[in-house]
Amino acid sequence: MQTILIILTMALLPVGGYELEVYKHWEAKDQLFRDKETSPIFNKKERKNFTGIKFYAPDSRMVITAKYEQLTVEDTLEFVTSSGSLKFYAQVANLIFTLDNQTFSLPAYQGIELRKKEEFEKYLFVPFTDLTSGKETYGGGRYLDLEVPDGDSLEVDFNYAYNPYCAYTDGYSCPIPKPESRLSISILAGEKVYH
């Protein structure tokens, strides 16, 4: 049903190449959640009652170029998770950017253990909350997956901001964004609250 709604929405809106790419991304995630082989929702009843991924219409204004401010000294930080356990990350940079004529900063992290794996050496974890959190979007915050740039700037596309699995079901330990990752603006892009 959600796939049908996505297709209908695409048919009703003027969708260009970029917008179509974003719609296809969310459609693929929706299908992944519905498939019993790939779904992070292990409970059969919950999966059967899954109502679909909800997201804002793509907005190219939410694709911004951030200054990548690499830290010279990294501290190991404890993140409290949704289950109450702790996960450990190193803050490696700050992302400085402007939205609606306001300047913001978001910390970028790497998992202490994860970055030891070759395929995750350049992976950046950017959790955040904003003024939509707990209202239009998941109260526990949303995440961005980015990559360490070669230079001092980085494209940040909030249209791909996503919910952790904890937004959909129990059994996961999802890091909760720290106070310094709270944005005093509404990010009307990316994934919306599920329930």
N, C-alpha and C. Protein backbone atom coordinates (compact mmCIF):
# COMPACT_ATOMS: atom_id res chain seq x y z
N MET A 1 0.83 -1.20 0.00
CA MET A 1 0.00 0.00 0.00
C MET A 1 0.87 1.26 0.00
N GLN A 2 1.92 1.28 0.86
CA GLN A 2 2.79 2.44 0.92
C GLN A 2 3.48 2.66 -0.42
N THR A 3 3.88 1.56 -1.09
CA THR A 3 4.53 1.68 -2.39
C THR A 3 3.59 2.34 -3.39
N ILE A 4 2.31 1.97 -3.34
CA ILE A 4 1.31 2.57 -4.21
C ILE A 4 1.21 4.07 -3.93
N LEU A 5 1.21 4.43 -2.63
CA LEU A 5 1.14 5.84 -2.26
C LEU A 5 2.35 6.61 -2.76
N ILE A 6 3.53 5.98 -2.68
CA ILE A 6 4.76 6.62 -3.16
C ILE A 6 4.65 6.87 -4.66
N ILE A 7 4.19 5.86 -5.40
CA ILE A 7 4.06 5.99 -6.85
C ILE A 7 3.03 7.06 -7.20
N LEU A 8 1.89 7.09 -6.48
CA LEU A 8 0.87 8.11 -6.73
C LEU A 8 1.41 9.50 -6.43
N THR A 9 2.16 9.63 -5.34
CA THR A 9 2.75 10.92 -4.99
C THR A 9 3.71 11.37 -6.07
N MET A 10 4.51 10.43 -6.58
CA MET A 10 5.45 10.76 -7.64
C MET A 10 4.71 11.21 -8.90
N ALA A 11 3.56 10.60 -9.17
CA ALA A 11 2.79 10.94 -10.36
C ALA A 11 2.15 12.32 -10.24
N LEU A 12 1.83 12.74 -9.00
CA LEU A 12 1.14 14.00 -8.78
C LEU A 12 2.10 15.19 -8.70
N LEU A 13 3.37 14.93 -8.37
CA LEU A 13 4.33 16.00 -8.21
C LEU A 13 5.25 16.10 -9.42
N PRO A 14 5.75 17.29 -9.71
CA PRO A 14 6.75 17.40 -10.77
C PRO A 14 8.07 16.82 -10.27
N VAL A 15 8.41 15.64 -10.72
CA VAL A 15 9.58 14.93 -10.19
C VAL A 15 10.69 14.92 -11.23
N GLY A 16 11.83 15.50 -10.85
CA GLY A 16 12.99 15.48 -11.72
C GLY A 16 13.90 14.33 -11.34
N GLY A 17 15.11 14.33 -11.90
CA GLY A 17 16.06 13.24 -11.66
C GLY A 17 16.42 13.09 -10.19
N TYR A 18 16.72 14.22 -9.53
CA TYR A 18 17.11 14.16 -8.13
C TYR A 18 15.95 13.68 -7.25
N GLU A 19 14.77 14.28 -7.44
CA GLU A 19 13.61 13.91 -6.64
C GLU A 19 13.26 12.44 -6.81
N LEU A 20 13.35 11.97 -8.05
CA LEU A 20 13.05 10.56 -8.35
C LEU A 20 14.03 9.65 -7.61
N GLU A 21 15.27 10.05 -7.57
CA GLU A 21 16.30 9.27 -6.85
C GLU A 21 15.95 9.15 -5.37
N VAL A 22 15.49 10.25 -4.76
CA VAL A 22 15.12 10.23 -3.34
C VAL A 22 13.90 9.35 -3.12
N TYR A 23 12.87 9.48 -3.98
CA TYR A 23 11.68 8.63 -3.85
C TYR A 23 12.05 7.15 -3.96
N LYS A 24 12.93 6.83 -4.89
CA LYS A 24 13.33 5.43 -5.07
C LYS A 24 14.07 4.91 -3.85
N HIS A 25 14.85 5.78 -3.22
CA HIS A 25 15.57 5.40 -2.00
C HIS A 25 14.59 4.96 -0.92
N TRP A 26 13.54 5.79 -0.68
CA TRP A 26 12.58 5.47 0.37
C TRP A 26 11.71 4.28 -0.01
N GLU A 27 11.42 4.14 -1.29
CA GLU A 27 10.65 2.98 -1.74
C GLU A 27 11.44 1.68 -1.49
N ALA A 28 12.76 1.74 -1.76
CA ALA A 28 13.60 0.56 -1.52
C ALA A 28 13.66 0.22 -0.04
N LYS A 29 13.73 1.24 0.82
CA LYS A 29 13.75 0.98 2.26
C LYS A 29 12.41 0.39 2.71
N ASP A 30 11.33 0.90 2.15
CA ASP A 30 10.00 0.39 2.47
C ASP A 30 9.91 -1.10 2.13
N GLN A 31 10.42 -1.47 0.96
CA GLN A 31 10.39 -2.88 0.53
C GLN A 31 11.27 -3.74 1.44
N LEU A 32 12.41 -3.22 1.84
CA LEU A 32 13.31 -3.93 2.73
C LEU A 32 12.61 -4.24 4.06
N PHE A 33 11.85 -3.29 4.57
CA PHE A 33 11.14 -3.48 5.84
C PHE A 33 10.01 -4.49 5.72
N ARG A 34 9.44 -4.63 4.54
CA ARG A 34 8.31 -5.54 4.34
C ARG A 34 8.74 -6.98 4.10
N ASP A 35 9.96 -7.16 3.59
CA ASP A 35 10.46 -8.48 3.23
C ASP A 35 10.92 -9.23 4.48
N LYS A 36 10.36 -10.40 4.72
CA LYS A 36 10.70 -11.14 5.95
C LYS A 36 12.17 -11.53 5.99
N GLU A 37 12.82 -11.61 4.83
CA GLU A 37 14.23 -12.00 4.79
C GLU A 37 15.16 -10.84 5.17
N THR A 38 14.72 -9.62 4.95
CA THR A 38 15.61 -8.48 5.16
C THR A 38 15.11 -7.50 6.22
N SER A 39 13.88 -7.65 6.65
CA SER A 39 13.28 -6.68 7.56
C SER A 39 13.95 -6.67 8.93
N PRO A 40 14.20 -5.46 9.47
CA PRO A 40 14.70 -5.36 10.84
C PRO A 40 13.58 -5.60 11.86
N ILE A 41 12.34 -5.70 11.37
CA ILE A 41 11.20 -5.98 12.25
C ILE A 41 11.03 -7.50 12.29
N PHE A 42 11.53 -8.11 13.35
CA PHE A 42 11.55 -9.57 13.43
C PHE A 42 10.19 -10.16 13.80
N ASN A 43 9.41 -9.39 14.55
CA ASN A 43 8.11 -9.89 14.98
C ASN A 43 7.17 -9.96 13.78
N LYS A 44 6.66 -11.16 13.50
CA LYS A 44 5.84 -11.38 12.31
C LYS A 44 4.58 -10.51 12.30
N LYS A 45 3.93 -10.37 13.46
CA LYS A 45 2.71 -9.57 13.55
C LYS A 45 3.01 -8.10 13.29
N GLU A 46 4.10 -7.60 13.90
CA GLU A 46 4.50 -6.21 13.69
C GLU A 46 4.81 -5.95 12.23
N ARG A 47 5.51 -6.91 11.61
CA ARG A 47 5.89 -6.75 10.21
C ARG A 47 4.65 -6.75 9.31
N LYS A 48 3.69 -7.61 9.63
CA LYS A 48 2.46 -7.68 8.85
C LYS A 48 1.67 -6.38 8.97
N ASN A 49 1.73 -5.75 10.14
CA ASN A 49 1.00 -4.50 10.38
C ASN A 49 1.81 -3.25 10.02
N PHE A 50 2.99 -3.46 9.46
CA PHE A 50 3.86 -2.35 9.08
C PHE A 50 3.12 -1.45 8.07
N THR A 51 3.02 -0.16 8.39
CA THR A 51 2.24 0.76 7.56
C THR A 51 3.08 1.56 6.57
N GLY A 52 4.38 1.33 6.57
CA GLY A 52 5.22 1.96 5.56
C GLY A 52 6.07 3.11 6.06
N ILE A 53 7.13 3.36 5.30
CA ILE A 53 8.04 4.45 5.57
C ILE A 53 7.35 5.77 5.22
N LYS A 54 7.44 6.72 6.12
CA LYS A 54 6.85 8.04 5.88
C LYS A 54 8.00 9.06 5.80
N PHE A 55 7.92 9.94 4.82
CA PHE A 55 9.01 10.89 4.62
C PHE A 55 8.49 12.17 3.99
N TYR A 56 9.27 13.22 4.15
CA TYR A 56 8.94 14.50 3.54
C TYR A 56 9.23 14.42 2.03
N ALA A 57 8.49 15.20 1.26
CA ALA A 57 8.79 15.31 -0.18
C ALA A 57 10.22 15.86 -0.33
N PRO A 58 10.97 15.35 -1.29
CA PRO A 58 12.35 15.83 -1.48
C PRO A 58 12.40 17.34 -1.68
N ASP A 59 13.40 17.94 -1.05
CA ASP A 59 13.56 19.39 -1.12
C ASP A 59 15.03 19.69 -1.37
N SER A 60 15.35 20.17 -2.55
CA SER A 60 16.76 20.41 -2.90
C SER A 60 17.40 21.48 -2.02
N ARG A 61 16.59 22.31 -1.35
CA ARG A 61 17.15 23.32 -0.45
C ARG A 61 17.77 22.69 0.79
N MET A 62 17.43 21.41 1.03
CA MET A 62 17.97 20.71 2.20
C MET A 62 19.24 19.93 1.86
N VAL A 63 19.79 20.19 0.68
CA VAL A 63 21.11 19.66 0.31
C VAL A 63 22.08 20.83 0.47
N ILE A 64 22.96 20.72 1.45
CA ILE A 64 23.83 21.86 1.75
C ILE A 64 25.30 21.42 1.73
N THR A 65 26.16 22.39 1.56
CA THR A 65 27.60 22.13 1.64
C THR A 65 28.08 22.61 3.00
N ALA A 66 28.65 21.69 3.75
CA ALA A 66 29.14 22.02 5.09
C ALA A 66 30.67 22.12 5.08
N LYS A 67 31.17 22.97 5.93
CA LYS A 67 32.61 23.01 6.15
C LYS A 67 32.96 21.83 7.05
N TYR A 68 33.94 21.04 6.62
CA TYR A 68 34.38 19.88 7.40
C TYR A 68 35.57 20.31 8.25
N GLU A 69 35.30 20.48 9.55
CA GLU A 69 36.31 20.95 10.49
C GLU A 69 36.85 19.77 11.27
N GLN A 70 37.94 19.20 10.80
CA GLN A 70 38.49 18.00 11.44
C GLN A 70 39.13 18.35 12.78
N LEU A 71 38.90 17.50 13.77
CA LEU A 71 39.46 17.73 15.09
C LEU A 71 40.88 17.17 15.16
N THR A 72 41.76 17.88 15.82
CA THR A 72 43.14 17.40 15.94
C THR A 72 43.27 16.41 17.10
N VAL A 73 42.37 16.54 18.08
CA VAL A 73 42.36 15.62 19.22
C VAL A 73 40.98 14.98 19.30
N GLU A 74 40.95 13.66 19.34
CA GLU A 74 39.68 12.94 19.42
C GLU A 74 39.48 12.42 20.84
N ASP A 75 38.29 12.62 21.35
CA ASP A 75 37.92 12.04 22.64
C ASP A 75 36.97 10.88 22.42
N THR A 76 37.13 9.84 23.22
CA THR A 76 36.18 8.73 23.17
C THR A 76 34.97 9.12 24.02
N LEU A 77 33.81 9.08 23.41
CA LEU A 77 32.58 9.52 24.08
C LEU A 77 31.63 8.35 24.28
N GLU A 78 30.94 8.38 25.40
CA GLU A 78 29.90 7.37 25.67
C GLU A 78 28.56 7.91 25.19
N PHE A 79 27.86 7.09 24.44
CA PHE A 79 26.50 7.43 24.03
C PHE A 79 25.53 6.52 24.76
N VAL A 80 24.56 7.11 25.43
CA VAL A 80 23.48 6.31 25.99
C VAL A 80 22.60 5.88 24.84
N THR A 81 22.10 4.64 24.88
CA THR A 81 21.24 4.14 23.81
C THR A 81 19.81 3.98 24.31
N SER A 82 18.93 3.69 23.37
CA SER A 82 17.51 3.52 23.69
C SER A 82 17.27 2.37 24.66
N SER A 83 18.18 1.40 24.71
CA SER A 83 18.02 0.26 25.62
C SER A 83 18.68 0.51 26.97
N GLY A 84 19.38 1.66 27.10
CA GLY A 84 20.06 1.97 28.35
C GLY A 84 21.52 1.54 28.37
N SER A 85 21.94 0.79 27.35
CA SER A 85 23.35 0.38 27.28
C SER A 85 24.19 1.54 26.72
N LEU A 86 25.50 1.36 26.68
CA LEU A 86 26.39 2.41 26.18
C LEU A 86 27.06 1.96 24.89
N LYS A 87 27.28 2.92 24.00
CA LYS A 87 28.08 2.69 22.80
C LYS A 87 29.16 3.76 22.76
N PHE A 88 30.30 3.44 22.16
CA PHE A 88 31.45 4.33 22.21
C PHE A 88 31.82 4.84 20.82
N TYR A 89 31.97 6.16 20.75
CA TYR A 89 32.30 6.82 19.49
C TYR A 89 33.40 7.84 19.72
N ALA A 90 34.12 8.16 18.65
CA ALA A 90 35.09 9.25 18.68
C ALA A 90 34.54 10.38 17.84
N GLN A 91 34.51 11.60 18.40
CA GLN A 91 34.13 12.74 17.57
C GLN A 91 35.35 13.11 16.75
N VAL A 92 35.18 13.10 15.42
CA VAL A 92 36.32 13.34 14.53
C VAL A 92 36.25 14.70 13.85
N ALA A 93 35.05 15.31 13.84
CA ALA A 93 34.92 16.58 13.13
C ALA A 93 33.67 17.32 13.56
N ASN A 94 33.60 18.58 13.16
CA ASN A 94 32.37 19.37 13.25
C ASN A 94 31.97 19.75 11.83
N LEU A 95 30.69 19.68 11.56
CA LEU A 95 30.16 20.10 10.26
C LEU A 95 29.50 21.46 10.46
N ILE A 96 30.04 22.49 9.82
CA ILE A 96 29.54 23.86 9.97
C ILE A 96 28.77 24.21 8.69
N PHE A 97 27.51 24.63 8.84
CA PHE A 97 26.71 24.91 7.66
C PHE A 97 25.68 26.00 7.95
N THR A 98 25.10 26.52 6.88
CA THR A 98 24.09 27.58 6.99
C THR A 98 22.77 27.10 6.40
N LEU A 99 21.69 27.33 7.15
CA LEU A 99 20.33 27.05 6.70
C LEU A 99 19.46 28.22 7.13
N ASP A 100 18.62 28.72 6.23
CA ASP A 100 17.74 29.85 6.54
C ASP A 100 18.51 31.00 7.19
N ASN A 101 19.67 31.29 6.63
CA ASN A 101 20.51 32.40 7.10
C ASN A 101 20.98 32.25 8.55
N GLN A 102 20.98 31.03 9.04
CA GLN A 102 21.52 30.74 10.37
C GLN A 102 22.66 29.74 10.24
N THR A 103 23.66 29.89 11.07
CA THR A 103 24.81 28.98 11.04
C THR A 103 24.67 27.95 12.15
N PHE A 104 24.92 26.69 11.77
CA PHE A 104 24.79 25.57 12.71
C PHE A 104 26.05 24.72 12.68
N SER A 105 26.20 23.92 13.73
CA SER A 105 27.32 22.99 13.81
C SER A 105 26.80 21.64 14.29
N LEU A 106 27.21 20.59 13.61
CA LEU A 106 26.86 19.23 14.02
C LEU A 106 28.13 18.41 14.20
N PRO A 107 28.26 17.69 15.31
CA PRO A 107 29.41 16.81 15.48
C PRO A 107 29.29 15.59 14.56
N ALA A 108 30.41 15.14 14.05
CA ALA A 108 30.48 13.93 13.24
C ALA A 108 31.35 12.91 13.98
N TYR A 109 30.87 11.69 14.03
CA TYR A 109 31.53 10.65 14.84
C TYR A 109 31.93 9.44 13.99
N GLN A 110 32.82 8.66 14.58
CA GLN A 110 33.13 7.33 14.05
C GLN A 110 33.05 6.34 15.21
N GLY A 111 32.45 5.17 14.94
CA GLY A 111 32.39 4.12 15.94
C GLY A 111 33.79 3.61 16.23
N ILE A 112 34.13 3.48 17.50
CA ILE A 112 35.49 3.07 17.90
C ILE A 112 35.86 1.72 17.27
N GLU A 113 34.99 0.76 17.34
CA GLU A 113 35.30 -0.57 16.79
C GLU A 113 35.05 -0.62 15.28
N LEU A 114 33.99 0.05 14.85
CA LEU A 114 33.59 -0.02 13.44
C LEU A 114 34.67 0.51 12.51
N ARG A 115 35.33 1.60 12.89
CA ARG A 115 36.29 2.21 11.98
C ARG A 115 37.57 1.40 11.82
N LYS A 116 37.72 0.35 12.62
CA LYS A 116 38.88 -0.54 12.46
C LYS A 116 38.72 -1.43 11.23
N LYS A 117 37.47 -1.53 10.74
CA LYS A 117 37.20 -2.33 9.54
C LYS A 117 37.44 -1.47 8.31
N GLU A 118 38.15 -2.03 7.36
CA GLU A 118 38.57 -1.27 6.18
C GLU A 118 37.40 -0.58 5.47
N GLU A 119 36.27 -1.28 5.34
CA GLU A 119 35.14 -0.71 4.60
C GLU A 119 34.46 0.44 5.33
N PHE A 120 34.79 0.63 6.63
CA PHE A 120 34.17 1.71 7.41
C PHE A 120 35.18 2.78 7.85
N GLU A 121 36.38 2.75 7.30
CA GLU A 121 37.42 3.71 7.69
C GLU A 121 36.97 5.16 7.50
N LYS A 122 36.19 5.42 6.45
CA LYS A 122 35.79 6.80 6.12
C LYS A 122 34.34 7.10 6.51
N TYR A 123 33.68 6.13 7.14
CA TYR A 123 32.27 6.29 7.49
C TYR A 123 32.11 7.31 8.62
N LEU A 124 31.13 8.21 8.46
CA LEU A 124 30.81 9.20 9.49
C LEU A 124 29.38 8.99 9.96
N PHE A 125 29.20 9.01 11.27
CA PHE A 125 27.88 8.88 11.89
C PHE A 125 27.49 10.25 12.42
N VAL A 126 26.35 10.77 11.93
CA VAL A 126 25.91 12.11 12.33
C VAL A 126 24.47 12.03 12.84
N PRO A 127 24.31 11.85 14.15
CA PRO A 127 22.97 11.84 14.74
C PRO A 127 22.54 13.27 15.06
N PHE A 128 21.24 13.53 15.01
CA PHE A 128 20.77 14.88 15.36
C PHE A 128 19.30 14.86 15.76
N THR A 129 18.93 15.90 16.48
CA THR A 129 17.52 16.21 16.71
C THR A 129 17.29 17.63 16.22
N ASP A 130 16.03 17.96 15.99
CA ASP A 130 15.69 19.31 15.54
C ASP A 130 14.32 19.66 16.10
N LEU A 131 13.74 20.76 15.68
CA LEU A 131 12.47 21.21 16.26
C LEU A 131 11.28 20.33 15.86
N THR A 132 11.48 19.42 14.93
CA THR A 132 10.40 18.48 14.57
C THR A 132 10.44 17.22 15.43
N SER A 133 11.54 17.00 16.14
CA SER A 133 11.73 15.75 16.91
C SER A 133 10.66 15.61 17.99
N GLY A 134 10.04 14.43 18.02
CA GLY A 134 8.98 14.17 18.99
C GLY A 134 7.63 14.67 18.52
N LYS A 135 7.60 15.29 17.35
CA LYS A 135 6.34 15.79 16.77
C LYS A 135 6.16 15.13 15.40
N GLU A 136 6.74 15.74 14.39
CA GLU A 136 6.64 15.19 13.03
C GLU A 136 7.67 14.09 12.78
N THR A 137 8.76 14.11 13.54
CA THR A 137 9.81 13.12 13.37
C THR A 137 10.07 12.38 14.68
N TYR A 138 10.83 11.31 14.60
CA TYR A 138 11.08 10.43 15.73
C TYR A 138 11.75 11.20 16.88
N GLY A 139 11.20 11.05 18.07
CA GLY A 139 11.69 11.78 19.25
C GLY A 139 13.10 11.42 19.64
N GLY A 140 13.54 10.21 19.32
CA GLY A 140 14.89 9.77 19.65
C GLY A 140 15.94 10.26 18.68
N GLY A 141 15.55 11.12 17.74
CA GLY A 141 16.51 11.68 16.79
C GLY A 141 16.61 10.89 15.50
N ARG A 142 17.25 11.51 14.54
CA ARG A 142 17.48 10.86 13.25
C ARG A 142 18.98 10.82 12.97
N TYR A 143 19.36 10.05 11.96
CA TYR A 143 20.77 9.85 11.64
C TYR A 143 21.05 10.22 10.18
N LEU A 144 22.31 10.59 9.94
CA LEU A 144 22.84 10.75 8.59
C LEU A 144 24.08 9.88 8.48
N ASP A 145 24.22 9.19 7.37
CA ASP A 145 25.44 8.43 7.07
C ASP A 145 26.22 9.21 6.02
N LEU A 146 27.42 9.63 6.39
CA LEU A 146 28.25 10.42 5.48
C LEU A 146 29.63 9.78 5.37
N GLU A 147 30.50 10.42 4.59
CA GLU A 147 31.84 9.88 4.38
C GLU A 147 32.87 10.99 4.57
N VAL A 148 33.97 10.65 5.19
CA VAL A 148 35.06 11.61 5.38
C VAL A 148 35.47 12.15 4.01
N PRO A 149 35.44 13.47 3.82
CA PRO A 149 35.81 14.02 2.50
C PRO A 149 37.32 14.09 2.32
N ASP A 150 37.73 14.28 1.08
CA ASP A 150 39.16 14.45 0.80
C ASP A 150 39.61 15.87 1.12
N GLY A 151 38.66 16.81 1.06
CA GLY A 151 39.00 18.20 1.34
C GLY A 151 38.36 18.70 2.62
N ASP A 152 38.07 20.01 2.64
CA ASP A 152 37.51 20.61 3.85
C ASP A 152 36.03 20.98 3.70
N SER A 153 35.35 20.37 2.72
CA SER A 153 33.91 20.58 2.59
C SER A 153 33.23 19.24 2.32
N LEU A 154 31.95 19.20 2.64
CA LEU A 154 31.20 17.94 2.58
C LEU A 154 29.74 18.24 2.25
N GLU A 155 29.17 17.48 1.30
CA GLU A 155 27.75 17.64 1.00
C GLU A 155 26.93 16.89 2.04
N VAL A 156 25.95 17.59 2.59
CA VAL A 156 25.05 17.01 3.58
C VAL A 156 23.64 17.10 3.00
N ASP A 157 22.99 15.95 2.82
CA ASP A 157 21.65 15.91 2.23
C ASP A 157 20.66 15.42 3.29
N PHE A 158 19.92 16.35 3.87
CA PHE A 158 18.96 15.99 4.91
C PHE A 158 17.76 15.21 4.37
N ASN A 159 17.60 15.16 3.05
CA ASN A 159 16.53 14.34 2.47
C ASN A 159 16.73 12.86 2.75
N TYR A 160 17.96 12.49 3.15
CA TYR A 160 18.27 11.09 3.47
C TYR A 160 18.38 10.85 4.98
N ALA A 161 17.98 11.83 5.78
CA ALA A 161 17.98 11.63 7.24
C ALA A 161 17.00 10.50 7.57
N TYR A 162 17.43 9.56 8.38
CA TYR A 162 16.60 8.37 8.62
C TYR A 162 16.44 8.06 10.10
N ASN A 163 15.39 7.30 10.38
CA ASN A 163 15.12 6.85 11.74
C ASN A 163 15.96 5.63 12.09
N PRO A 164 16.39 5.52 13.34
CA PRO A 164 17.00 4.25 13.77
C PRO A 164 15.93 3.17 13.84
N TYR A 165 16.36 1.92 13.87
CA TYR A 165 15.40 0.81 13.93
C TYR A 165 14.51 0.88 15.17
N CYS A 166 15.00 1.53 16.23
CA CYS A 166 14.22 1.66 17.46
C CYS A 166 12.90 2.39 17.24
N ALA A 167 12.81 3.15 16.16
CA ALA A 167 11.57 3.87 15.87
C ALA A 167 10.47 2.93 15.41
N TYR A 168 10.86 1.69 15.06
CA TYR A 168 9.91 0.74 14.48
C TYR A 168 9.60 -0.47 15.35
N THR A 169 10.56 -0.86 16.17
CA THR A 169 10.37 -2.08 16.94
C THR A 169 11.33 -2.12 18.13
N ASP A 170 11.10 -3.04 19.04
CA ASP A 170 11.99 -3.23 20.19
C ASP A 170 13.17 -4.12 19.81
N GLY A 171 14.13 -4.19 20.70
CA GLY A 171 15.24 -5.13 20.51
C GLY A 171 16.51 -4.52 19.97
N TYR A 172 16.54 -3.20 19.80
CA TYR A 172 17.73 -2.53 19.29
C TYR A 172 18.26 -1.54 20.31
N SER A 173 19.55 -1.25 20.21
CA SER A 173 20.20 -0.25 21.07
C SER A 173 20.67 0.89 20.19
N CYS A 174 19.86 1.92 20.10
CA CYS A 174 20.14 3.03 19.19
C CYS A 174 20.70 4.22 19.94
N PRO A 175 21.86 4.74 19.51
CA PRO A 175 22.46 5.89 20.19
C PRO A 175 21.52 7.10 20.16
N ILE A 176 21.43 7.77 21.30
CA ILE A 176 20.60 8.96 21.43
C ILE A 176 21.50 10.19 21.22
N PRO A 177 21.13 11.07 20.29
CA PRO A 177 21.97 12.24 20.03
C PRO A 177 22.24 13.06 21.29
N LYS A 178 23.46 13.55 21.40
CA LYS A 178 23.87 14.37 22.54
C LYS A 178 23.32 15.81 22.38
N PRO A 179 23.29 16.58 23.47
CA PRO A 179 22.76 17.95 23.40
C PRO A 179 23.40 18.80 22.30
N GLU A 180 24.69 18.60 22.06
CA GLU A 180 25.38 19.40 21.04
C GLU A 180 24.93 19.05 19.61
N SER A 181 24.12 18.01 19.48
CA SER A 181 23.58 17.63 18.17
C SER A 181 22.14 18.07 17.99
N ARG A 182 21.68 18.97 18.85
CA ARG A 182 20.32 19.50 18.74
C ARG A 182 20.34 20.77 17.90
N LEU A 183 19.57 20.76 16.82
CA LEU A 183 19.47 21.91 15.93
C LEU A 183 18.24 22.73 16.28
N SER A 184 18.42 24.03 16.38
CA SER A 184 17.30 24.90 16.74
C SER A 184 16.59 25.39 15.47
N ILE A 185 16.24 24.43 14.63
CA ILE A 185 15.55 24.70 13.38
C ILE A 185 14.75 23.45 13.03
N SER A 186 13.71 23.60 12.24
CA SER A 186 12.94 22.44 11.79
C SER A 186 13.53 21.90 10.50
N ILE A 187 13.99 20.66 10.54
CA ILE A 187 14.51 20.01 9.34
C ILE A 187 13.37 19.25 8.69
N LEU A 188 12.70 19.92 7.74
CA LEU A 188 11.52 19.34 7.09
C LEU A 188 11.97 18.52 5.89
N ALA A 189 12.76 17.50 6.16
CA ALA A 189 13.31 16.64 5.12
C ALA A 189 13.65 15.30 5.74
N GLY A 190 13.67 14.29 4.89
CA GLY A 190 14.02 12.95 5.37
C GLY A 190 12.84 12.21 5.95
N GLU A 191 13.14 11.25 6.80
CA GLU A 191 12.13 10.33 7.32
C GLU A 191 11.31 10.98 8.44
N LYS A 192 10.00 10.69 8.42
CA LYS A 192 9.09 11.17 9.45
C LYS A 192 8.91 10.11 10.52
N VAL A 193 8.20 10.47 11.58
CA VAL A 193 7.89 9.53 12.65
C VAL A 193 7.00 8.41 12.10
N TYR A 194 7.20 7.22 12.60
CA TYR A 194 6.43 6.05 12.11
C TYR A 194 5.07 5.96 12.78
N HIS A 195 5.04 5.94 14.12
CA HIS A 195 3.79 5.75 14.82
C HIS A 195 3.03 7.06 14.93
